[in-house]
Amino acid sequence: MSATRVALGDAEFARLRELLSRTAGLVFDDSRRESMGYSIGERLRATGIADVASYLEEVERAGSAERQRLLDEVTIQETHFFRNPPQMRALRVHVLPELIRHADANGRRLRIWSAGCSTGEEPYTIAMMLRELLPSTAGWDVKVIATDISENALRAARAATYGSRAVQLATAAEVARFFVAQSGGRWTVRPEVRELVELRHHNLVRDAPPEPVLDLVLCRNVTIYFSRETTRELMGRLHRSLRDGGYLLLGHSETLWQVSEDFRLVALGSGDSAAFVYRRLDEPAAERRAILPDRRTLQELPLPPERRVAARRARSRVELPRQERVETAEAIPLSSVRDALAAGRYADAARLARLAADADPLRSEVHYLLGRALVDSGDDAEALPALRRAVYLDPEAGLAHFLLAGALARCGDRAAAAREYRAAAQTLARGADGDAHELGGRSARELAALCAQLEGQLSAGSER
């Protein structure tokens, strides 16, 4: 049966957003109206409720079971085992071995929290790495607590059986060691991995952390759905629960600038294994206050030579007529690429972005979206050409500079990454706030400050 979308009016969409914000802390901007229309259409079909107004009355009713079903519908997204390879390498090589050494000297107790675990791929991935690093847990108290607000997601996590797409980033050796093959190309996580994971229903906005003392929290691609104030409150709770020296991992586009000063951003690894993570700080705030450069300072920094050439080229380029390409370009609306990205369907997003780029090769945004899809799927090297095209066509594309810098750093080109972080800081500081919704509601100036810090770290060659 094909999906049914309902057209949400301004008042209906505002009412729905207020409900989701109040009950779950979720923030959806207008770019999600179409995808939310599909979610509501699916729930109308499933419940038999006649119209949107009646449905909203039902989910607003105290004790409504349908409210949880709506949350299940709008929060579940596709994910993968070993997602974000640079972070996985940092965990395997740096973070987890350090946590194990610390636990070995302090009662052999280890607590890891996968916050917003979706269908379980992330916590099971952590458990697999723990099995590699700690073959025997006899005499140890090791637990990976995995939580989510979606009962449907938790139900899938408990089943622990996945399709081939979910294991596409795992090596053949990892699949053979940690999965049991099932019919139909499906894979079930082995019991020795599952026994390390404890699944719980949890509301990040309303509920306290699941353990009073935590060693590591993974909260990846979760805060992008929260307001800044909700994120600030959540980070305060995480800081109070993490032990001194504990680690916090966020998604690649998530930042704590102007949210929390209680964590230090650190670079782990080098070359293609470099990743940025956060650590809880135990020194006084005055010694760790981040420097937030003002817009004037960033604007006065000279552009790197190649960026000056690109900027002149962009200013002198004749605007080509676009009418000949309109019908073909409209066949692949960029909203469909963004919807695929929001749902975690990175292969679909990349395919659609490539089609859009073929139809309109001089449009910077399509190359940026292609690069973003490839970065999110862990393919930094393949993302580089698309992101380079994006910044060539539009030297003021700050987010494209930001993604390109991160991909270059993870591919080992630290000098080029530093230049791109500098370009990103400069362009974002000029006030290009148009893509702020992609940063979870944070401002371009905040991301500019983060880029300036990362540029400084890379230029100095520091690995704190």
Protein backbone atom coordinates (compact mmCIF):
# COMPACT_ATOMS: atom_id res chain seq x y z
CA MET A 1 0.00 0.00 0.00
CA SER A 2 1.40 3.41 -0.95
CA ALA A 3 2.05 6.00 1.72
CA THR A 4 -0.63 8.59 2.32
CA ARG A 5 0.28 12.17 3.04
CA VAL A 6 -2.06 14.72 4.53
CA ALA A 7 -1.55 18.44 4.01
CA LEU A 8 -0.92 20.03 7.40
CA GLY A 9 -2.18 23.59 7.71
CA ASP A 10 -0.20 26.20 9.62
CA ALA A 11 -2.34 25.90 12.75
CA GLU A 12 -2.29 22.07 12.66
CA PHE A 13 1.47 21.93 12.15
CA ALA A 14 2.04 24.46 14.96
CA ARG A 15 -0.21 22.44 17.28
CA LEU A 16 1.62 19.23 16.43
CA ARG A 17 5.04 20.81 16.95
CA GLU A 18 3.98 22.21 20.32
CA LEU A 19 2.78 18.77 21.44
CA LEU A 20 6.01 17.04 20.39
CA SER A 21 8.12 19.75 22.01
CA ARG A 22 6.17 19.67 25.27
CA THR A 23 6.03 15.89 25.64
CA ALA A 24 9.35 14.78 24.15
CA GLY A 25 11.46 17.90 23.64
CA LEU A 26 11.45 17.34 19.87
CA VAL A 27 11.78 20.36 17.60
CA PHE A 28 10.69 20.15 13.96
CA ASP A 29 11.10 23.14 11.67
CA ASP A 30 9.07 23.81 8.54
CA SER A 31 11.34 21.65 6.40
CA ARG A 32 9.83 18.61 8.15
CA ARG A 33 6.19 19.54 7.42
CA GLU A 34 5.95 17.21 4.41
CA SER A 35 7.46 14.20 6.19
CA MET A 36 5.24 14.88 9.21
CA GLY A 37 2.28 14.87 6.83
CA TYR A 38 3.19 11.32 5.83
CA SER A 39 3.47 10.30 9.50
CA ILE A 40 0.04 11.73 10.32
CA GLY A 41 -1.43 10.18 7.19
CA GLU A 42 -0.13 6.77 8.25
CA ARG A 43 -1.62 7.15 11.73
CA LEU A 44 -5.00 8.28 10.33
CA ARG A 45 -5.05 5.19 8.13
CA ALA A 46 -4.07 2.90 11.03
CA THR A 47 -6.56 4.34 13.53
CA GLY A 48 -9.47 5.10 11.22
CA ILE A 49 -9.72 8.63 12.62
CA ALA A 50 -11.39 10.85 10.06
CA ASP A 51 -9.33 14.04 10.07
CA VAL A 52 -6.26 15.77 11.47
CA ALA A 53 -8.17 17.87 14.01
CA SER A 54 -9.79 14.79 15.56
CA TYR A 55 -6.46 12.99 15.58
CA LEU A 56 -4.73 15.85 17.39
CA GLU A 57 -7.50 15.87 19.99
CA GLU A 58 -6.83 12.17 20.58
CA VAL A 59 -3.05 12.49 21.03
CA GLU A 60 -3.47 15.51 23.30
CA ARG A 61 -5.78 13.56 25.60
CA ALA A 62 -4.15 12.62 28.92
CA GLY A 63 -3.07 8.98 28.96
CA SER A 64 -3.49 8.55 25.21
CA ALA A 65 -1.77 5.41 23.93
CA GLU A 66 -1.82 6.93 20.46
CA ARG A 67 0.66 9.59 21.57
CA GLN A 68 3.33 6.91 22.02
CA ARG A 69 2.48 5.47 18.60
CA LEU A 70 2.91 8.91 17.04
CA LEU A 71 6.29 9.28 18.74
CA ASP A 72 7.23 5.87 17.36
CA GLU A 73 6.25 7.04 13.88
CA VAL A 74 8.19 10.31 13.89
CA THR A 75 11.36 9.28 15.74
CA ILE A 76 12.39 5.96 14.24
CA GLN A 77 15.15 6.16 11.63
CA GLU A 78 17.40 3.79 9.76
CA THR A 79 20.86 3.27 11.20
CA HIS A 80 23.77 0.85 10.86
CA PHE A 81 26.26 -1.14 12.87
CA PHE A 82 29.65 0.61 13.16
CA ARG A 83 28.12 3.87 11.90
CA ASN A 84 30.58 6.77 11.54
CA PRO A 85 33.82 4.79 11.10
CA PRO A 86 36.12 7.57 12.43
CA GLN A 87 34.23 7.62 15.73
CA MET A 88 34.19 3.82 15.82
CA ARG A 89 37.97 3.74 15.37
CA ALA A 90 38.39 6.33 18.12
CA LEU A 91 36.24 4.21 20.42
CA ARG A 92 38.07 0.99 19.60
CA VAL A 93 41.62 2.40 19.74
CA HIS A 94 41.42 5.18 22.34
CA VAL A 95 38.24 5.53 24.39
CA LEU A 96 37.24 1.97 25.29
CA PRO A 97 40.78 0.76 26.11
CA GLU A 98 41.20 3.77 28.42
CA LEU A 99 37.84 3.13 30.08
CA ILE A 100 38.71 -0.53 30.59
CA ARG A 101 42.06 0.39 32.18
CA HIS A 102 40.32 2.87 34.48
CA ALA A 103 37.66 0.33 35.44
CA ASP A 104 40.27 -2.37 36.06
CA ALA A 105 41.89 -0.11 38.65
CA ASN A 106 38.58 0.99 40.19
CA GLY A 107 36.47 -2.05 40.98
CA ARG A 108 35.99 -3.36 37.44
CA ARG A 109 32.70 -1.52 36.97
CA LEU A 110 31.93 -0.03 33.55
CA ARG A 111 28.78 1.85 32.55
CA ILE A 112 28.08 3.03 29.00
CA TRP A 113 24.86 4.73 27.92
CA SER A 114 23.55 4.72 24.35
CA ALA A 115 20.99 7.55 24.59
CA GLY A 116 18.50 7.45 21.74
CA CYS A 117 19.58 3.97 20.68
CA SER A 118 16.89 3.58 17.99
CA THR A 119 16.71 -0.06 16.87
CA GLY A 120 19.83 -1.15 18.73
CA GLU A 121 22.64 -1.07 16.23
CA GLU A 122 24.70 1.42 18.24
CA PRO A 123 24.66 -0.30 21.66
CA TYR A 124 25.26 -3.71 20.09
CA THR A 125 28.22 -2.24 18.19
CA ILE A 126 29.69 -1.01 21.49
CA ALA A 127 29.10 -4.43 23.05
CA MET A 128 30.88 -6.09 20.11
CA MET A 129 33.93 -3.89 20.61
CA LEU A 130 33.88 -4.64 24.34
CA ARG A 131 33.90 -8.36 23.54
CA GLU A 132 36.96 -7.80 21.35
CA LEU A 133 38.80 -5.76 23.98
CA LEU A 134 37.60 -7.68 27.04
CA PRO A 135 37.09 -11.31 25.97
CA SER A 136 36.19 -12.45 29.50
CA THR A 137 33.95 -10.38 31.73
CA ALA A 138 34.21 -12.77 34.68
CA GLY A 139 34.60 -10.66 37.79
CA TRP A 140 33.50 -7.54 35.92
CA ASP A 141 30.32 -5.47 36.17
CA VAL A 142 29.90 -4.27 32.58
CA LYS A 143 26.68 -2.83 31.23
CA VAL A 144 25.68 -0.97 28.07
CA ILE A 145 22.40 0.77 28.86
CA ALA A 146 20.45 1.46 25.68
CA THR A 147 17.42 3.76 25.84
CA ASP A 148 14.91 5.23 23.43
CA ILE A 149 11.56 6.96 23.55
CA SER A 150 10.15 4.73 20.79
CA GLU A 151 8.61 1.43 21.89
CA ASN A 152 8.71 0.22 18.29
CA ALA A 153 12.44 0.88 18.13
CA LEU A 154 13.04 -0.94 21.41
CA ARG A 155 10.96 -3.87 20.22
CA ALA A 156 13.18 -4.17 17.14
CA ALA A 157 16.29 -3.85 19.32
CA ARG A 158 15.12 -6.69 21.56
CA ALA A 159 14.56 -8.90 18.51
CA ALA A 160 18.15 -8.07 17.46
CA THR A 161 17.62 -9.31 13.91
CA TYR A 162 18.59 -7.04 11.02
CA GLY A 163 18.71 -6.84 7.25
CA SER A 164 21.84 -6.71 5.14
CA ARG A 165 21.81 -2.88 4.94
CA ALA A 166 22.30 -2.61 8.70
CA VAL A 167 25.53 -4.65 8.62
CA GLN A 168 27.01 -3.07 5.50
CA LEU A 169 29.70 -1.17 7.46
CA ALA A 170 30.79 -4.25 9.44
CA THR A 171 33.75 -6.28 8.19
CA ALA A 172 33.32 -9.89 7.11
CA ALA A 173 35.18 -10.96 10.26
CA GLU A 174 32.85 -8.92 12.47
CA VAL A 175 29.77 -10.37 10.79
CA ALA A 176 31.10 -13.91 11.19
CA ARG A 177 32.02 -13.41 14.84
CA PHE A 178 29.05 -11.46 16.15
CA PHE A 179 26.05 -12.47 14.01
CA VAL A 180 24.11 -15.62 13.19
CA ALA A 181 22.86 -15.84 9.60
CA GLN A 182 19.09 -16.20 9.14
CA SER A 183 16.97 -16.89 6.09
CA GLY A 184 16.19 -14.04 3.73
CA GLY A 185 19.58 -12.36 4.14
CA ARG A 186 18.93 -11.36 7.75
CA TRP A 187 21.32 -11.45 10.70
CA THR A 188 20.77 -11.96 14.44
CA VAL A 189 23.17 -10.61 17.06
CA ARG A 190 24.80 -13.40 19.07
CA PRO A 191 23.77 -13.93 22.73
CA GLU A 192 27.22 -13.09 24.13
CA VAL A 193 26.84 -9.60 22.67
CA ARG A 194 23.20 -9.14 23.63
CA GLU A 195 23.83 -10.06 27.27
CA LEU A 196 25.96 -6.93 27.73
CA VAL A 197 23.11 -4.64 26.61
CA GLU A 198 20.17 -3.59 28.77
CA LEU A 199 17.30 -1.97 26.85
CA ARG A 200 15.00 0.52 28.57
CA HIS A 201 12.27 2.97 27.61
CA HIS A 202 13.44 6.48 28.44
CA ASN A 203 12.47 10.09 27.74
CA LEU A 204 15.62 12.20 27.53
CA VAL A 205 13.68 15.37 28.34
CA ARG A 206 11.75 14.13 31.37
CA ASP A 207 13.70 11.22 32.84
CA ALA A 208 16.91 11.18 34.86
CA PRO A 209 19.95 9.38 33.39
CA PRO A 210 19.61 5.60 33.84
CA GLU A 211 22.70 5.32 36.07
CA PRO A 212 24.13 7.76 38.64
CA VAL A 213 27.74 7.36 37.42
CA LEU A 214 28.58 6.83 33.76
CA ASP A 215 31.89 6.33 31.94
CA LEU A 216 30.72 7.02 28.39
CA VAL A 217 27.59 8.51 26.85
CA LEU A 218 26.75 8.24 23.16
CA CYS A 219 24.09 10.79 22.25
CA ARG A 220 24.60 10.94 18.50
CA ASN A 221 22.21 12.74 16.16
CA VAL A 222 19.72 13.23 18.99
CA THR A 223 20.12 16.87 20.02
CA ILE A 224 19.51 18.04 16.45
CA TYR A 225 15.82 17.48 17.24
CA PHE A 226 15.96 19.50 20.48
CA SER A 227 15.82 23.22 21.16
CA ARG A 228 18.96 24.85 22.49
CA GLU A 229 17.48 25.19 25.96
CA THR A 230 16.43 21.52 26.02
CA THR A 231 19.92 20.54 24.88
CA ARG A 232 21.49 22.74 27.56
CA GLU A 233 19.40 21.08 30.27
CA LEU A 234 20.23 17.61 28.93
CA MET A 235 23.96 18.37 28.86
CA GLY A 236 23.75 19.52 32.47
CA ARG A 237 22.26 16.16 33.45
CA LEU A 238 24.89 14.29 31.45
CA HIS A 239 27.68 16.29 33.07
CA ARG A 240 26.40 15.44 36.54
CA SER A 241 26.23 11.73 35.66
CA LEU A 242 29.54 11.35 33.85
CA ARG A 243 32.54 10.71 36.06
CA ASP A 244 35.54 13.03 35.81
CA GLY A 245 37.31 12.15 32.59
CA GLY A 246 34.22 10.46 31.16
CA TYR A 247 33.51 10.73 27.45
CA LEU A 248 30.58 12.14 25.48
CA LEU A 249 30.08 11.43 21.78
CA LEU A 250 27.73 13.55 19.66
CA GLY A 251 26.88 13.45 15.97
CA HIS A 252 29.27 15.05 13.49
CA SER A 253 27.15 18.22 13.05
CA GLU A 254 26.30 18.63 16.74
CA THR A 255 28.19 21.12 18.90
CA LEU A 256 28.20 22.28 22.50
CA TRP A 257 29.18 25.86 21.68
CA GLN A 258 27.04 28.23 23.74
CA VAL A 259 25.38 25.15 25.26
CA SER A 260 27.86 23.85 27.83
CA GLU A 261 31.35 24.76 29.01
CA ASP A 262 31.61 21.60 31.11
CA PHE A 263 33.14 19.49 28.35
CA ARG A 264 36.41 19.78 26.45
CA LEU A 265 36.51 19.08 22.73
CA VAL A 266 39.44 16.75 22.02
CA ALA A 267 40.88 15.19 18.89
CA LEU A 268 41.64 11.48 19.04
CA GLY A 269 43.77 9.67 16.50
CA SER A 270 45.45 10.96 13.38
CA GLY A 271 45.07 10.59 9.67
CA ASP A 272 41.96 8.75 8.60
CA SER A 273 41.23 7.72 12.20
CA ALA A 274 40.89 11.27 13.55
CA ALA A 275 37.66 12.00 15.40
CA PHE A 276 36.46 14.77 17.70
CA VAL A 277 34.84 13.82 21.00
CA TYR A 278 33.99 15.56 24.27
CA ARG A 279 35.29 14.84 27.78
CA ARG A 280 33.92 15.93 31.11
CA LEU A 281 36.18 18.52 32.71
CA ASP A 282 37.14 18.62 36.36
CA GLU A 283 39.14 21.88 36.34
CA PRO A 284 37.57 25.21 37.34
CA ALA A 285 35.43 26.97 34.74
CA ALA A 286 37.76 29.98 34.62
CA GLU A 287 40.56 27.72 33.34
CA ARG A 288 38.51 26.17 30.57
CA ARG A 289 36.32 28.99 29.24
CA ALA A 290 36.14 28.70 25.48
CA ILE A 291 37.15 31.68 23.38
CA LEU A 292 34.29 32.84 21.17
CA PRO A 293 35.77 35.15 18.51
CA ASP A 294 33.55 37.99 17.46
CA ARG A 295 32.34 38.39 13.91
CA ARG A 296 34.68 41.30 13.16
CA THR A 297 37.77 39.31 14.13
CA LEU A 298 36.84 36.42 11.89
CA GLN A 299 35.95 38.67 8.98
CA GLU A 300 39.30 40.45 9.19
CA LEU A 301 41.27 37.23 8.80
CA PRO A 302 42.56 36.98 5.21
CA LEU A 303 41.15 34.21 3.08
CA PRO A 304 43.60 31.50 1.99
CA PRO A 305 44.91 32.16 -1.58
CA GLU A 306 42.78 29.49 -3.23
CA ARG A 307 39.67 30.91 -1.54
CA ARG A 308 40.49 34.44 -2.77
CA VAL A 309 40.70 33.08 -6.32
CA ALA A 310 37.42 31.20 -5.91
CA ALA A 311 35.71 34.25 -4.46
CA ARG A 312 36.83 36.43 -7.37
CA ARG A 313 35.69 33.75 -9.80
CA ALA A 314 32.29 33.59 -8.14
CA ARG A 315 31.85 37.37 -8.25
CA SER A 316 32.82 37.57 -11.91
CA ARG A 317 30.90 34.52 -13.10
CA VAL A 318 28.05 35.26 -15.47
CA GLU A 319 24.75 33.90 -14.16
CA LEU A 320 23.61 31.28 -16.65
CA PRO A 321 19.96 30.98 -17.60
CA ARG A 322 18.31 28.10 -15.76
CA GLN A 323 15.03 27.73 -17.64
CA GLU A 324 16.34 24.91 -19.82
CA ARG A 325 17.03 22.78 -16.74
CA VAL A 326 13.98 23.53 -14.65
CA GLU A 327 11.76 20.62 -15.62
CA THR A 328 14.52 18.05 -15.20
CA ALA A 329 15.75 19.51 -11.92
CA GLU A 330 12.27 19.60 -10.49
CA ALA A 331 11.99 15.86 -11.10
CA ILE A 332 14.32 15.41 -8.10
CA PRO A 333 13.22 17.97 -5.48
CA LEU A 334 15.91 18.63 -2.91
CA SER A 335 13.29 18.16 -0.20
CA SER A 336 13.30 14.44 -1.08
CA VAL A 337 17.07 14.33 -0.52
CA ARG A 338 16.69 16.09 2.82
CA ASP A 339 13.87 13.76 3.87
CA ALA A 340 16.07 10.74 3.09
CA LEU A 341 18.89 12.26 5.15
CA ALA A 342 16.55 12.98 8.06
CA ALA A 343 15.37 9.35 7.97
CA GLY A 344 18.94 8.02 7.93
CA ARG A 345 18.54 6.57 4.41
CA TYR A 346 21.95 7.73 3.26
CA ALA A 347 22.25 5.50 0.20
CA ASP A 348 18.89 6.78 -1.06
CA ALA A 349 19.90 10.36 -0.30
CA ALA A 350 23.16 9.96 -2.23
CA ARG A 351 21.36 8.40 -5.20
CA LEU A 352 18.79 11.21 -5.33
CA ALA A 353 21.47 13.87 -4.90
CA ARG A 354 23.48 12.42 -7.80
CA LEU A 355 20.39 12.56 -10.02
CA ALA A 356 19.79 16.16 -8.97
CA ALA A 357 23.44 17.01 -9.65
CA ASP A 358 23.22 15.47 -13.12
CA ALA A 359 20.18 17.64 -13.82
CA ASP A 360 21.65 20.84 -12.37
CA PRO A 361 25.45 20.50 -12.13
CA LEU A 362 26.07 24.20 -11.40
CA ARG A 363 23.98 24.25 -8.23
CA SER A 364 26.20 24.15 -5.16
CA GLU A 365 23.49 22.83 -2.84
CA VAL A 366 23.06 19.50 -4.63
CA HIS A 367 26.78 18.76 -4.30
CA TYR A 368 26.67 19.74 -0.63
CA LEU A 369 23.76 17.34 -0.02
CA LEU A 370 25.58 14.55 -1.87
CA GLY A 371 28.67 15.16 0.25
CA ARG A 372 26.60 15.20 3.41
CA ALA A 373 24.97 11.86 2.54
CA LEU A 374 28.37 10.29 1.91
CA VAL A 375 29.90 11.73 5.10
CA ASP A 376 26.95 10.48 7.16
CA SER A 377 27.40 7.00 5.68
CA GLY A 378 31.07 7.04 6.67
CA ASP A 379 32.54 7.44 3.16
CA ASP A 380 34.69 10.55 3.64
CA ALA A 381 36.98 9.91 0.69
CA GLU A 382 34.08 9.66 -1.75
CA ALA A 383 32.50 12.78 -0.25
CA LEU A 384 35.54 14.97 -0.97
CA PRO A 385 34.88 15.62 -4.71
CA ALA A 386 31.24 16.56 -4.09
CA LEU A 387 32.11 18.92 -1.24
CA ARG A 388 34.93 20.49 -3.24
CA ARG A 389 32.48 21.17 -6.07
CA ALA A 390 30.06 22.71 -3.58
CA VAL A 391 32.59 25.24 -2.25
CA TYR A 392 33.97 25.92 -5.76
CA LEU A 393 30.50 26.83 -7.03
CA ASP A 394 29.64 28.80 -3.89
CA PRO A 395 32.63 29.97 -1.83
CA GLU A 396 30.14 31.32 0.75
CA ALA A 397 28.68 27.85 1.48
CA GLY A 398 29.80 27.70 5.10
CA LEU A 399 28.30 24.30 5.91
CA ALA A 400 29.96 22.77 2.86
CA HIS A 401 33.33 24.16 4.04
CA PHE A 402 32.60 22.68 7.48
CA LEU A 403 31.83 19.19 6.17
CA LEU A 404 34.77 19.31 3.76
CA ALA A 405 37.12 20.23 6.60
CA GLY A 406 35.97 17.31 8.73
CA ALA A 407 36.27 14.85 5.84
CA LEU A 408 39.77 16.10 5.02
CA ALA A 409 40.85 15.77 8.66
CA ARG A 410 39.59 12.20 8.84
CA CYS A 411 41.36 11.39 5.56
CA GLY A 412 44.65 12.62 7.02
CA ASP A 413 45.07 15.98 5.24
CA ARG A 414 45.30 18.15 8.35
CA ALA A 415 46.71 21.22 6.57
CA ALA A 416 43.88 21.30 4.03
CA ALA A 417 41.37 20.63 6.80
CA ALA A 418 42.68 23.60 8.77
CA ARG A 419 42.29 25.84 5.70
CA GLU A 420 38.71 24.67 5.21
CA TYR A 421 37.83 25.19 8.88
CA ARG A 422 39.20 28.72 8.53
CA ALA A 423 37.13 29.33 5.40
CA ALA A 424 34.07 27.92 7.17
CA ALA A 425 34.63 30.22 10.15
CA GLN A 426 34.92 33.25 7.91
CA THR A 427 31.88 32.55 5.74
CA LEU A 428 29.66 31.56 8.66
CA ALA A 429 30.73 34.64 10.62
CA ARG A 430 29.47 36.82 7.80
CA GLY A 431 25.97 35.92 8.90
CA ALA A 432 24.92 33.16 6.51
CA ASP A 433 22.24 31.77 8.82
CA GLY A 434 20.08 30.25 6.09
CA ASP A 435 21.03 26.68 6.96
CA ALA A 436 20.76 27.09 10.74
CA HIS A 437 17.97 24.50 10.95
CA GLU A 438 20.50 21.84 9.91
CA LEU A 439 22.47 22.66 13.06
CA GLY A 440 19.62 21.92 15.45
CA GLY A 441 18.62 25.58 15.72
CA ARG A 442 22.10 26.81 16.62
CA SER A 443 23.43 29.97 15.01
CA ALA A 444 26.02 30.24 12.26
CA ARG A 445 28.17 32.32 14.63
CA GLU A 446 28.37 29.46 17.11
CA LEU A 447 29.50 27.05 14.40
CA ALA A 448 31.98 29.69 13.19
CA ALA A 449 33.52 29.74 16.65
CA LEU A 450 33.79 25.95 16.70
CA CYS A 451 35.47 26.02 13.28
CA ALA A 452 37.97 28.61 14.51
CA GLN A 453 38.85 26.36 17.45
CA LEU A 454 39.26 23.29 15.24
CA GLU A 455 41.38 25.25 12.77
CA GLY A 456 43.64 26.30 15.62
CA GLN A 457 44.01 22.74 16.89
CA LEU A 458 44.87 21.38 13.45
CA SER A 459 47.27 24.22 12.63
CA ALA A 460 49.11 23.65 15.90
CA GLY A 461 49.17 19.91 15.27
CA SER A 462 47.79 19.32 18.75
CA GLU A 463 46.10 16.12 19.86
CA ARG A 464 44.96 16.85 23.36
